[in-house]
Amino acid sequence: MNWTNILTKFLHNGEKGKCPQCGSSELTVETMSFGRRSITFHCNKCGASRHFDGIAPANEK
C-alpha cells in the first residue's frame, strides 16, 4: 500500500492503514480543515511521512 492508497482509505472510512515504508500501524494523522484542507501522515516508528495539500472530502464533488 502506498501513501495515496492510505489517503483514499482514510477519506472514505477514517482508517489510517499501515506505513508503506516499514509496515507499522503507528501512524499519526494531522488534518487542517480550513482553507485548502491538508492532511499529513507520519509514521511514529520509522519517521516516514507524506503531506497532501488541497484535499476535498470524499463526499464532495
N, C-alpha and C. Protein backbone atom coordinates (compact mmCIF):
# COMPACT_ATOMS: atom_id res chain seq x y z
N MET A 1 0.85 -1.17 0.00
CA MET A 1 0.00 0.00 0.00
C MET A 1 0.90 1.24 0.00
N ASN A 2 0.56 2.25 -0.82
CA ASN A 2 1.33 3.47 -0.84
C ASN A 2 0.57 4.60 -0.14
N TRP A 3 1.20 5.78 -0.03
CA TRP A 3 0.60 6.90 0.69
C TRP A 3 -0.73 7.33 0.06
N THR A 4 -0.85 7.29 -1.25
CA THR A 4 -2.10 7.68 -1.91
C THR A 4 -3.23 6.73 -1.55
N ASN A 5 -2.94 5.44 -1.48
CA ASN A 5 -3.94 4.46 -1.06
C ASN A 5 -4.36 4.70 0.39
N ILE A 6 -3.41 5.05 1.24
CA ILE A 6 -3.70 5.33 2.64
C ILE A 6 -4.60 6.55 2.74
N LEU A 7 -4.31 7.59 1.95
CA LEU A 7 -5.15 8.78 1.94
C LEU A 7 -6.57 8.45 1.51
N THR A 8 -6.73 7.70 0.45
CA THR A 8 -8.05 7.32 -0.05
C THR A 8 -8.83 6.54 1.01
N LYS A 9 -8.18 5.58 1.63
CA LYS A 9 -8.82 4.78 2.68
C LYS A 9 -9.23 5.67 3.85
N PHE A 10 -8.36 6.60 4.25
CA PHE A 10 -8.65 7.49 5.36
C PHE A 10 -9.84 8.39 5.04
N LEU A 11 -9.91 8.92 3.83
CA LEU A 11 -11.01 9.80 3.45
C LEU A 11 -12.35 9.06 3.39
N HIS A 12 -12.33 7.79 3.01
CA HIS A 12 -13.57 7.03 2.87
C HIS A 12 -14.10 6.46 4.19
N ASN A 13 -13.18 5.97 5.05
CA ASN A 13 -13.69 5.33 6.27
C ASN A 13 -12.91 5.68 7.55
N GLY A 14 -11.98 6.61 7.47
CA GLY A 14 -11.26 7.05 8.65
C GLY A 14 -10.14 6.14 9.13
N GLU A 15 -9.89 5.03 8.42
CA GLU A 15 -8.82 4.12 8.81
C GLU A 15 -7.48 4.65 8.33
N LYS A 16 -6.47 4.54 9.19
CA LYS A 16 -5.14 5.07 8.86
C LYS A 16 -4.28 4.10 8.06
N GLY A 17 -4.53 2.83 8.17
CA GLY A 17 -3.71 1.86 7.45
C GLY A 17 -2.34 1.69 8.08
N LYS A 18 -1.36 1.26 7.28
CA LYS A 18 -0.01 0.99 7.76
C LYS A 18 1.00 1.78 6.93
N CYS A 19 2.12 2.08 7.54
CA CYS A 19 3.19 2.81 6.88
C CYS A 19 3.70 2.01 5.68
N PRO A 20 3.78 2.65 4.49
CA PRO A 20 4.27 1.92 3.33
C PRO A 20 5.78 1.66 3.38
N GLN A 21 6.49 2.32 4.28
CA GLN A 21 7.94 2.12 4.39
C GLN A 21 8.30 0.95 5.31
N CYS A 22 7.67 0.90 6.51
CA CYS A 22 8.07 -0.12 7.48
C CYS A 22 6.94 -1.07 7.87
N GLY A 23 5.69 -0.76 7.47
CA GLY A 23 4.56 -1.63 7.78
C GLY A 23 3.93 -1.41 9.14
N SER A 24 4.42 -0.42 9.88
CA SER A 24 3.87 -0.15 11.22
C SER A 24 2.48 0.48 11.12
N SER A 25 1.63 0.15 12.08
CA SER A 25 0.31 0.77 12.13
C SER A 25 0.31 2.01 13.04
N GLU A 26 1.50 2.43 13.48
CA GLU A 26 1.64 3.59 14.36
C GLU A 26 1.70 4.89 13.55
N LEU A 27 0.62 5.19 12.84
CA LEU A 27 0.57 6.41 12.04
C LEU A 27 -0.19 7.51 12.79
N THR A 28 0.34 8.71 12.70
CA THR A 28 -0.33 9.89 13.22
C THR A 28 -0.87 10.65 12.02
N VAL A 29 -2.11 11.13 12.13
CA VAL A 29 -2.72 11.89 11.05
C VAL A 29 -3.05 13.29 11.56
N GLU A 30 -2.55 14.30 10.85
CA GLU A 30 -2.84 15.68 11.19
C GLU A 30 -3.68 16.27 10.05
N THR A 31 -4.87 16.75 10.39
CA THR A 31 -5.77 17.31 9.38
C THR A 31 -6.02 18.77 9.67
N MET A 32 -5.82 19.59 8.67
CA MET A 32 -6.17 21.01 8.77
C MET A 32 -7.43 21.20 7.93
N SER A 33 -8.55 21.47 8.59
CA SER A 33 -9.86 21.50 7.93
C SER A 33 -10.28 22.88 7.44
N PHE A 34 -9.38 23.80 7.38
CA PHE A 34 -9.73 25.13 6.91
C PHE A 34 -8.90 25.47 5.67
N GLY A 35 -9.35 26.46 4.92
CA GLY A 35 -8.61 26.84 3.72
C GLY A 35 -8.63 25.71 2.70
N ARG A 36 -7.44 25.31 2.26
CA ARG A 36 -7.31 24.28 1.23
C ARG A 36 -7.48 22.87 1.77
N ARG A 37 -7.57 22.70 3.05
CA ARG A 37 -7.66 21.40 3.73
C ARG A 37 -6.49 20.49 3.35
N SER A 38 -5.61 20.29 4.28
CA SER A 38 -4.47 19.42 4.03
C SER A 38 -4.42 18.31 5.07
N ILE A 39 -3.78 17.22 4.70
CA ILE A 39 -3.65 16.06 5.58
C ILE A 39 -2.19 15.60 5.54
N THR A 40 -1.63 15.35 6.72
CA THR A 40 -0.27 14.84 6.83
C THR A 40 -0.29 13.53 7.60
N PHE A 41 0.35 12.51 7.04
CA PHE A 41 0.52 11.22 7.69
C PHE A 41 1.97 11.13 8.15
N HIS A 42 2.20 10.63 9.36
CA HIS A 42 3.55 10.48 9.89
C HIS A 42 3.65 9.16 10.64
N CYS A 43 4.67 8.38 10.29
CA CYS A 43 4.90 7.11 10.97
C CYS A 43 5.72 7.36 12.23
N ASN A 44 5.19 6.96 13.37
CA ASN A 44 5.88 7.15 14.64
C ASN A 44 7.03 6.17 14.84
N LYS A 45 7.10 5.13 14.02
CA LYS A 45 8.16 4.12 14.17
C LYS A 45 9.40 4.48 13.35
N CYS A 46 9.22 4.71 12.03
CA CYS A 46 10.38 4.95 11.17
C CYS A 46 10.56 6.41 10.77
N GLY A 47 9.55 7.25 11.03
CA GLY A 47 9.66 8.67 10.73
C GLY A 47 9.24 9.07 9.32
N ALA A 48 8.83 8.11 8.50
CA ALA A 48 8.37 8.43 7.15
C ALA A 48 7.11 9.28 7.23
N SER A 49 6.93 10.18 6.27
CA SER A 49 5.72 10.99 6.28
C SER A 49 5.34 11.41 4.88
N ARG A 50 4.10 11.86 4.74
CA ARG A 50 3.59 12.33 3.44
C ARG A 50 2.54 13.39 3.71
N HIS A 51 2.67 14.50 3.00
CA HIS A 51 1.73 15.62 3.14
C HIS A 51 0.90 15.73 1.86
N PHE A 52 -0.41 15.87 2.01
CA PHE A 52 -1.32 16.08 0.89
C PHE A 52 -1.99 17.44 1.09
N ASP A 53 -1.89 18.31 0.11
CA ASP A 53 -2.43 19.66 0.21
C ASP A 53 -3.60 19.82 -0.74
N GLY A 54 -4.67 20.50 -0.29
CA GLY A 54 -5.81 20.76 -1.15
C GLY A 54 -6.71 19.56 -1.33
N ILE A 55 -7.02 18.85 -0.26
CA ILE A 55 -7.82 17.63 -0.31
C ILE A 55 -9.31 17.96 -0.11
N ALA A 56 -10.15 17.49 -1.01
CA ALA A 56 -11.60 17.62 -0.84
C ALA A 56 -12.12 16.39 -0.11
N PRO A 57 -13.09 16.55 0.78
CA PRO A 57 -13.67 15.38 1.44
C PRO A 57 -14.24 14.40 0.42
N ALA A 58 -14.27 13.12 0.76
CA ALA A 58 -14.70 12.08 -0.17
C ALA A 58 -16.15 12.27 -0.63
N ASN A 59 -16.97 12.90 0.19
CA ASN A 59 -18.38 13.04 -0.18
C ASN A 59 -18.66 14.33 -0.94
N GLU A 60 -17.62 15.14 -1.24
CA GLU A 60 -17.82 16.34 -2.04
C GLU A 60 -17.44 16.07 -3.48
N LYS A 61 -18.10 16.77 -4.40
CA LYS A 61 -17.80 16.59 -5.82
C LYS A 61 -17.21 17.85 -6.40
